[in-house]
PDB file of N, CA and C in Angstrom:
ATOM      1  N   ASP A   1     118.080 107.752 107.699  1.00  0.00           N
ATOM      2  CA  ASP A   1     119.418 107.873 107.143  1.00  0.00           C
ATOM      3  C   ASP A   1     120.368 108.286 108.271  1.00  0.00           C
ATOM      4  N   THR A   2     121.218 107.375 108.643  1.00  0.00           N
ATOM      5  CA  THR A   2     122.152 107.607 109.741  1.00  0.00           C
ATOM      6  C   THR A   2     123.101 108.762 109.432  1.00  0.00           C
ATOM      7  N   ASP A   3     123.529 108.863 108.193  1.00  0.00           N
ATOM      8  CA  ASP A   3     124.441 109.944 107.821  1.00  0.00           C
ATOM      9  C   ASP A   3     123.799 111.311 108.033  1.00  0.00           C
ATOM     10  N   ARG A   4     122.543 111.419 107.693  1.00  0.00           N
ATOM     11  CA  ARG A   4     121.820 112.692 107.880  1.00  0.00           C
ATOM     12  C   ARG A   4     121.686 113.004 109.373  1.00  0.00           C
ATOM     13  N   ALA A   5     121.396 111.990 110.186  1.00  0.00           N
ATOM     14  CA  ALA A   5     121.302 112.197 111.631  1.00  0.00           C
ATOM     15  C   ALA A   5     122.633 112.684 112.187  1.00  0.00           C
ATOM     16  N   LEU A   6     123.721 112.117 111.698  1.00  0.00           N
ATOM     17  CA  LEU A   6     125.047 112.543 112.154  1.00  0.00           C
ATOM     18  C   LEU A   6     125.328 113.994 111.787  1.00  0.00           C
ATOM     19  N   VAL A   7     124.915 114.397 110.598  1.00  0.00           N
ATOM     20  CA  VAL A   7     125.092 115.782 110.170  1.00  0.00           C
ATOM     21  C   VAL A   7     124.298 116.714 111.089  1.00  0.00           C
ATOM     22  N   LEU A   8     123.057 116.329 111.388  1.00  0.00           N
ATOM     23  CA  LEU A   8     122.224 117.155 112.258  1.00  0.00           C
ATOM     24  C   LEU A   8     122.811 117.255 113.662  1.00  0.00           C
ATOM     25  N   LEU A   9     123.287 116.150 114.178  1.00  0.00           N
ATOM     26  CA  LEU A   9     123.886 116.152 115.511  1.00  0.00           C
ATOM     27  C   LEU A   9     125.150 117.007 115.542  1.00  0.00           C
ATOM     28  N   GLU A  10     125.948 116.910 114.496  1.00  0.00           N
ATOM     29  CA  GLU A  10     127.172 117.709 114.416  1.00  0.00           C
ATOM     30  C   GLU A  10     126.838 119.205 114.363  1.00  0.00           C
ATOM     31  N   GLU A  11     125.836 119.562 113.568  1.00  0.00           N
ATOM     32  CA  GLU A  11     125.414 120.962 113.484  1.00  0.00           C
ATOM     33  C   GLU A  11     124.933 121.463 114.839  1.00  0.00           C
ATOM     34  N   TYR A  12     124.194 120.628 115.539  1.00  0.00           N
ATOM     35  CA  TYR A  12     123.689 121.012 116.851  1.00  0.00           C
ATOM     36  C   TYR A  12     124.848 121.173 117.840  1.00  0.00           C
ATOM     37  N   CYS A  13     125.807 120.266 117.790  1.00  0.00           N
ATOM     38  CA  CYS A  13     126.967 120.341 118.693  1.00  0.00           C
ATOM     39  C   CYS A  13     127.750 121.630 118.505  1.00  0.00           C
ATOM     40  N   LYS A  14     127.831 122.095 117.285  1.00  0.00           N
ATOM     41  CA  LYS A  14     128.553 123.333 117.006  1.00  0.00           C
ATOM     42  C   LYS A  14     127.921 124.530 117.704  1.00  0.00           C
ATOM     43  N   LYS A  15     126.614 124.439 117.981  1.00  0.00           N
ATOM     44  CA  LYS A  15     125.908 125.529 118.647  1.00  0.00           C
ATOM     45  C   LYS A  15     126.103 125.513 120.165  1.00  0.00           C
ATOM     46  N   LEU A  16     126.585 124.394 120.683  1.00  0.00           N
ATOM     47  CA  LEU A  16     126.746 124.252 122.127  1.00  0.00           C
ATOM     48  C   LEU A  16     128.106 124.790 122.551  1.00  0.00           C
ATOM     49  N   ARG A  17     128.124 125.998 123.040  1.00  0.00           N
ATOM     50  CA  ARG A  17     129.391 126.646 123.393  1.00  0.00           C
ATOM     51  C   ARG A  17     129.477 127.022 124.868  1.00  0.00           C
ATOM     52  N   LYS A  18     128.332 127.169 125.510  1.00  0.00           N
ATOM     53  CA  LYS A  18     128.312 127.588 126.908  1.00  0.00           C
ATOM     54  C   LYS A  18     128.844 126.478 127.805  1.00  0.00           C
ATOM     55  N   PRO A  19     129.487 126.849 128.908  1.00  0.00           N
ATOM     56  CA  PRO A  19     130.020 125.825 129.828  1.00  0.00           C
ATOM     57  C   PRO A  19     128.949 124.850 130.319  1.00  0.00           C
ATOM     58  N   GLU A  20     127.746 125.346 130.566  1.00  0.00           N
ATOM     59  CA  GLU A  20     126.676 124.474 131.068  1.00  0.00           C
ATOM     60  C   GLU A  20     126.134 123.526 129.990  1.00  0.00           C
ATOM     61  N   GLU A  21     126.503 123.739 128.731  1.00  0.00           N
ATOM     62  CA  GLU A  21     126.054 122.876 127.632  1.00  0.00           C
ATOM     63  C   GLU A  21     127.061 121.780 127.296  1.00  0.00           C
ATOM     64  N   GLN A  22     128.198 121.795 127.944  1.00  0.00           N
ATOM     65  CA  GLN A  22     129.260 120.853 127.593  1.00  0.00           C
ATOM     66  C   GLN A  22     128.906 119.410 127.934  1.00  0.00           C
ATOM     67  N   GLN A  23     128.138 119.209 128.996  1.00  0.00           N
ATOM     68  CA  GLN A  23     127.723 117.843 129.334  1.00  0.00           C
ATOM     69  C   GLN A  23     126.788 117.300 128.250  1.00  0.00           C
ATOM     70  N   LEU A  24     125.878 118.123 127.773  1.00  0.00           N
ATOM     71  CA  LEU A  24     124.990 117.726 126.683  1.00  0.00           C
ATOM     72  C   LEU A  24     125.796 117.435 125.422  1.00  0.00           C
ATOM     73  N   LYS A  25     126.764 118.286 125.138  1.00  0.00           N
ATOM     74  CA  LYS A  25     127.616 118.100 123.956  1.00  0.00           C
ATOM     75  C   LYS A  25     128.356 116.762 124.035  1.00  0.00           C
ATOM     76  N   LYS A  26     128.854 116.434 125.222  1.00  0.00           N
ATOM     77  CA  LYS A  26     129.556 115.168 125.414  1.00  0.00           C
ATOM     78  C   LYS A  26     128.612 113.984 125.184  1.00  0.00           C
ATOM     79  N   ALA A  27     127.381 114.090 125.676  1.00  0.00           N
ATOM     80  CA  ALA A  27     126.392 113.022 125.496  1.00  0.00           C
ATOM     81  C   ALA A  27     126.037 112.849 124.018  1.00  0.00           C
ATOM     82  N   ILE A  28     125.900 113.960 123.315  1.00  0.00           N
ATOM     83  CA  ILE A  28     125.579 113.888 121.886  1.00  0.00           C
ATOM     84  C   ILE A  28     126.725 113.248 121.121  1.00  0.00           C
ATOM     85  N   ARG A  29     127.944 113.569 121.494  1.00  0.00           N
ATOM     86  CA  ARG A  29     129.111 112.956 120.839  1.00  0.00           C
ATOM     87  C   ARG A  29     129.124 111.436 121.058  1.00  0.00           C
ATOM     88  N   LYS A  30     128.676 110.989 122.233  1.00  0.00           N
ATOM     89  CA  LYS A  30     128.578 109.547 122.492  1.00  0.00           C
ATOM     90  C   LYS A  30     127.542 108.910 121.565  1.00  0.00           C
ATOM     91  N   VAL A  31     126.408 109.582 121.404  1.00  0.00           N
ATOM     92  CA  VAL A  31     125.369 109.076 120.494  1.00  0.00           C
ATOM     93  C   VAL A  31     125.908 109.005 119.076  1.00  0.00           C
ATOM     94  N   MET A  32     126.656 110.022 118.684  1.00  0.00           N
ATOM     95  CA  MET A  32     127.248 110.026 117.347  1.00  0.00           C
ATOM     96  C   MET A  32     128.197 108.842 117.178  1.00  0.00           C
ATOM     97  N   GLY A  33     128.963 108.543 118.208  1.00  0.00           N
ATOM     98  CA  GLY A  33     129.861 107.390 118.162  1.00  0.00           C
ATOM     99  C   GLY A  33     129.102 106.085 117.996  1.00  0.00           C
ATOM    100  N   ILE A  34     127.960 106.005 118.666  1.00  0.00           N
ATOM    101  CA  ILE A  34     127.122 104.801 118.540  1.00  0.00           C
ATOM    102  C   ILE A  34     126.589 104.682 117.121  1.00  0.00           C
ATOM    103  N   PHE A  35     126.086 105.792 116.566  1.00  0.00           N
ATOM    104  CA  PHE A  35     125.574 105.772 115.196  1.00  0.00           C
ATOM    105  C   PHE A  35     126.649 105.340 114.201  1.00  0.00           C
ATOM    106  N   LYS A  36     127.897 105.690 114.471  1.00  0.00           N
ATOM    107  CA  LYS A  36     128.999 105.351 113.573  1.00  0.00           C
ATOM    108  C   LYS A  36     129.509 103.926 113.769  1.00  0.00           C
ATOM    109  N   SER A  37     129.128 103.289 114.860  1.00  0.00           N
ATOM    110  CA  SER A  37     129.672 101.971 115.172  1.00  0.00           C
ATOM    111  C   SER A  37     129.172 100.898 114.199  1.00  0.00           C
ATOM    112  N   SER A  38     130.012  99.931 113.980  1.00  0.00           N
ATOM    113  CA  SER A  38     129.643  98.830 113.084  1.00  0.00           C
ATOM    114  C   SER A  38     128.499  98.007 113.687  1.00  0.00           C
ATOM    115  N   LEU A  39     128.433  97.914 115.018  1.00  0.00           N
ATOM    116  CA  LEU A  39     127.343  97.178 115.658  1.00  0.00           C
ATOM    117  C   LEU A  39     126.007  97.848 115.366  1.00  0.00           C
ATOM    118  N   PHE A  40     125.932  99.166 115.520  1.00  0.00           N
ATOM    119  CA  PHE A  40     124.694  99.885 115.242  1.00  0.00           C
ATOM    120  C   PHE A  40     124.289  99.716 113.787  1.00  0.00           C
ATOM    121  N   GLN A  41     125.251  99.857 112.884  1.00  0.00           N
ATOM    122  CA  GLN A  41     124.964  99.709 111.463  1.00  0.00           C
ATOM    123  C   GLN A  41     124.452  98.306 111.144  1.00  0.00           C
ATOM    124  N   ALA A  42     125.038  97.295 111.778  1.00  0.00           N
ATOM    125  CA  ALA A  42     124.597  95.914 111.559  1.00  0.00           C
ATOM    126  C   ALA A  42     123.183  95.708 112.087  1.00  0.00           C
ATOM    127  N   LEU A  43     122.894  96.248 113.266  1.00  0.00           N
ATOM    128  CA  LEU A  43     121.548  96.128 113.828  1.00  0.00           C
ATOM    129  C   LEU A  43     120.522  96.847 112.969  1.00  0.00           C
ATOM    130  N   LEU A  44     120.868  98.010 112.494  1.00  0.00           N
ATOM    131  CA  LEU A  44     119.975  98.776 111.636  1.00  0.00           C
ATOM    132  C   LEU A  44     119.702  98.008 110.338  1.00  0.00           C
ATOM    133  N   GLY A  45     120.750  97.433 109.771  1.00  0.00           N
ATOM    134  CA  GLY A  45     120.585  96.627 108.565  1.00  0.00           C
ATOM    135  C   GLY A  45     119.720  95.413 108.813  1.00  0.00           C
ATOM    136  N   SER A  46     119.892  94.775 109.962  1.00  0.00           N
ATOM    137  CA  SER A  46     119.100  93.601 110.315  1.00  0.00           C
ATOM    138  C   SER A  46     117.623  93.962 110.472  1.00  0.00           C
ATOM    139  N   LEU A  47     117.360  95.089 111.125  1.00  0.00           N
ATOM    140  CA  LEU A  47     115.970  95.522 111.301  1.00  0.00           C
ATOM    141  C   LEU A  47     115.322  95.862 109.967  1.00  0.00           C
ATOM    142  N   THR A  48     116.071  96.475 109.092  1.00  0.00           N
ATOM    143  CA  THR A  48     115.549  96.819 107.767  1.00  0.00           C
ATOM    144  C   THR A  48     115.203  95.569 106.981  1.00  0.00           C
ATOM    145  N   LYS A  49     116.096  94.570 107.017  1.00  0.00           N
ATOM    146  CA  LYS A  49     115.831  93.310 106.314  1.00  0.00           C
ATOM    147  C   LYS A  49     114.621  92.608 106.894  1.00  0.00           C
ATOM    148  N   LYS A  50     114.524  92.597 108.228  1.00  0.00           N
ATOM    149  CA  LYS A  50     113.405  91.933 108.889  1.00  0.00           C
ATOM    150  C   LYS A  50     112.092  92.622 108.536  1.00  0.00           C
ATOM    151  N   ALA A  51     112.071  93.941 108.536  1.00  0.00           N
ATOM    152  CA  ALA A  51     110.859  94.681 108.196  1.00  0.00           C
ATOM    153  C   ALA A  51     110.460  94.426 106.752  1.00  0.00           C
ATOM    154  N   THR A  52     111.441  94.330 105.873  1.00  0.00           N
ATOM    155  CA  THR A  52     111.164  94.061 104.459  1.00  0.00           C
ATOM    156  C   THR A  52     110.567  92.667 104.284  1.00  0.00           C
ATOM    157  N   ARG A  53     111.131  91.687 104.990  1.00  0.00           N
ATOM    158  CA  ARG A  53     110.609  90.317 104.902  1.00  0.00           C
ATOM    159  C   ARG A  53     109.172  90.227 105.383  1.00  0.00           C
ATOM    160  N   HIS A  54     108.819  91.013 106.399  1.00  0.00           N
ATOM    161  CA  HIS A  54     107.478  90.962 106.968  1.00  0.00           C
ATOM    162  C   HIS A  54     106.507  91.905 106.274  1.00  0.00           C
ATOM    163  N   GLY A  55     106.994  92.582 105.260  1.00  0.00           N
ATOM    164  CA  GLY A  55     106.122  93.443 104.482  1.00  0.00           C
ATOM    165  C   GLY A  55     105.809  94.776 105.141  1.00  0.00           C
ATOM    166  N   THR A  56     106.491  95.092 106.217  1.00  0.00           N
ATOM    167  CA  THR A  56     106.258  96.377 106.852  1.00  0.00           C
ATOM    168  C   THR A  56     107.190  97.399 106.232  1.00  0.00           C
ATOM    169  N   THR A  57     106.765  98.621 106.265  1.00  0.00           N
ATOM    170  CA  THR A  57     107.585  99.680 105.692  1.00  0.00           C
ATOM    171  C   THR A  57     108.614 100.123 106.704  1.00  0.00           C
ATOM    172  N   SER A  58     109.853 100.069 106.311  1.00  0.00           N
ATOM    173  CA  SER A  58     110.936 100.561 107.150  1.00  0.00           C
ATOM    174  C   SER A  58     111.293 101.949 106.674  1.00  0.00           C
ATOM    175  N   HIS A  59     111.361 102.878 107.578  1.00  0.00           N
ATOM    176  CA  HIS A  59     111.666 104.253 107.210  1.00  0.00           C
ATOM    177  C   HIS A  59     113.166 104.471 107.315  1.00  0.00           C
ATOM    178  N   PRO A  60     113.876 104.587 106.175  1.00  0.00           N
ATOM    179  CA  PRO A  60     115.333 104.709 106.204  1.00  0.00           C
ATOM    180  C   PRO A  60     115.832 105.996 106.855  1.00  0.00           C
ATOM    181  N   ALA A  61     114.983 107.004 106.986  1.00  0.00           N
ATOM    182  CA  ALA A  61     115.406 108.271 107.570  1.00  0.00           C
ATOM    183  C   ALA A  61     115.107 108.342 109.065  1.00  0.00           C
ATOM    184  N   LEU A  62     114.859 107.197 109.694  1.00  0.00           N
ATOM    185  CA  LEU A  62     114.492 107.190 111.100  1.00  0.00           C
ATOM    186  C   LEU A  62     115.513 107.881 111.995  1.00  0.00           C
ATOM    187  N   PRO A  63     116.822 107.593 111.902  1.00  0.00           N
ATOM    188  CA  PRO A  63     117.757 108.305 112.783  1.00  0.00           C
ATOM    189  C   PRO A  63     117.714 109.826 112.596  1.00  0.00           C
ATOM    190  N   ALA A  64     117.567 110.287 111.373  1.00  0.00           N
ATOM    191  CA  ALA A  64     117.475 111.729 111.133  1.00  0.00           C
ATOM    192  C   ALA A  64     116.186 112.282 111.723  1.00  0.00           C
ATOM    193  N   ALA A  65     115.095 111.541 111.575  1.00  0.00           N
ATOM    194  CA  ALA A  65     113.821 111.983 112.127  1.00  0.00           C
ATOM    195  C   ALA A  65     113.889 112.082 113.642  1.00  0.00           C
ATOM    196  N   VAL A  66     114.556 111.119 114.269  1.00  0.00           N
ATOM    197  CA  VAL A  66     114.721 111.156 115.720  1.00  0.00           C
ATOM    198  C   VAL A  66     115.552 112.371 116.115  1.00  0.00           C
ATOM    199  N   ALA A  67     116.612 112.643 115.385  1.00  0.00           N
ATOM    200  CA  ALA A  67     117.451 113.800 115.688  1.00  0.00           C
ATOM    201  C   ALA A  67     116.647 115.093 115.562  1.00  0.00           C
ATOM    202  N   TYR A  68     115.844 115.220 114.508  1.00  0.00           N
ATOM    203  CA  TYR A  68     115.008 116.405 114.352  1.00  0.00           C
ATOM    204  C   TYR A  68     114.031 116.524 115.518  1.00  0.00           C
ATOM    205  N   ASP A  69     113.416 115.397 115.873  1.00  0.00           N
ATOM    206  CA  ASP A  69     112.420 115.403 116.929  1.00  0.00           C
ATOM    207  C   ASP A  69     113.019 115.813 118.269  1.00  0.00           C
ATOM    208  N   VAL A  70     114.169 115.275 118.592  1.00  0.00           N
ATOM    209  CA  VAL A  70     114.801 115.541 119.880  1.00  0.00           C
ATOM    210  C   VAL A  70     115.479 116.908 119.914  1.00  0.00           C
ATOM    211  N   LEU A  71     116.196 117.245 118.859  1.00  0.00           N
ATOM    212  CA  LEU A  71     117.019 118.446 118.865  1.00  0.00           C
ATOM    213  C   LEU A  71     116.401 119.640 118.174  1.00  0.00           C
ATOM    214  N   GLY A  72     115.382 119.426 117.377  1.00  0.00           N
ATOM    215  CA  GLY A  72     114.809 120.498 116.610  1.00  0.00           C
ATOM    216  C   GLY A  72     115.581 120.708 115.322  1.00  0.00           C
ATOM    217  N   ASP A  73     115.042 121.539 114.470  1.00  0.00           N
ATOM    218  CA  ASP A  73     115.672 121.843 113.191  1.00  0.00           C
ATOM    219  C   ASP A  73     116.903 122.712 113.441  1.00  0.00           C
ATOM    220  N   PRO A  74     118.110 122.287 112.964  1.00  0.00           N
ATOM    221  CA  PRO A  74     119.312 123.084 113.219  1.00  0.00           C
ATOM    222  C   PRO A  74     119.286 124.460 112.555  1.00  0.00           C
ATOM    223  N   LYS A  75     118.384 124.669 111.622  1.00  0.00           N
ATOM    224  CA  LYS A  75     118.295 125.966 110.943  1.00  0.00           C
ATOM    225  C   LYS A  75     117.633 127.025 111.824  1.00  0.00           C
ATOM    226  N   ASP A  76     116.946 126.574 112.869  1.00  0.00           N
ATOM    227  CA  ASP A  76     116.272 127.520 113.788  1.00  0.00           C
ATOM    228  C   ASP A  76     117.249 128.280 114.641  1.00  0.00           C
TER     229      ASP A  76
END
């Protein structure tokens, strides 16, 4: 779920306040922009349709899972 990944990234960005964390914050904001882009959404939709046609299970929460994996749980 791309929306959930965006929420997680936004929560993580709010924690980045130190001057040395600003470059990371900027990079995360770029990723968020990509997730919001119509191109990314179209590609994600295309992959989901392709996986469905081939009978493979597509995990709709993949972007959120990636955010958790990379950034950790924002509740920590």
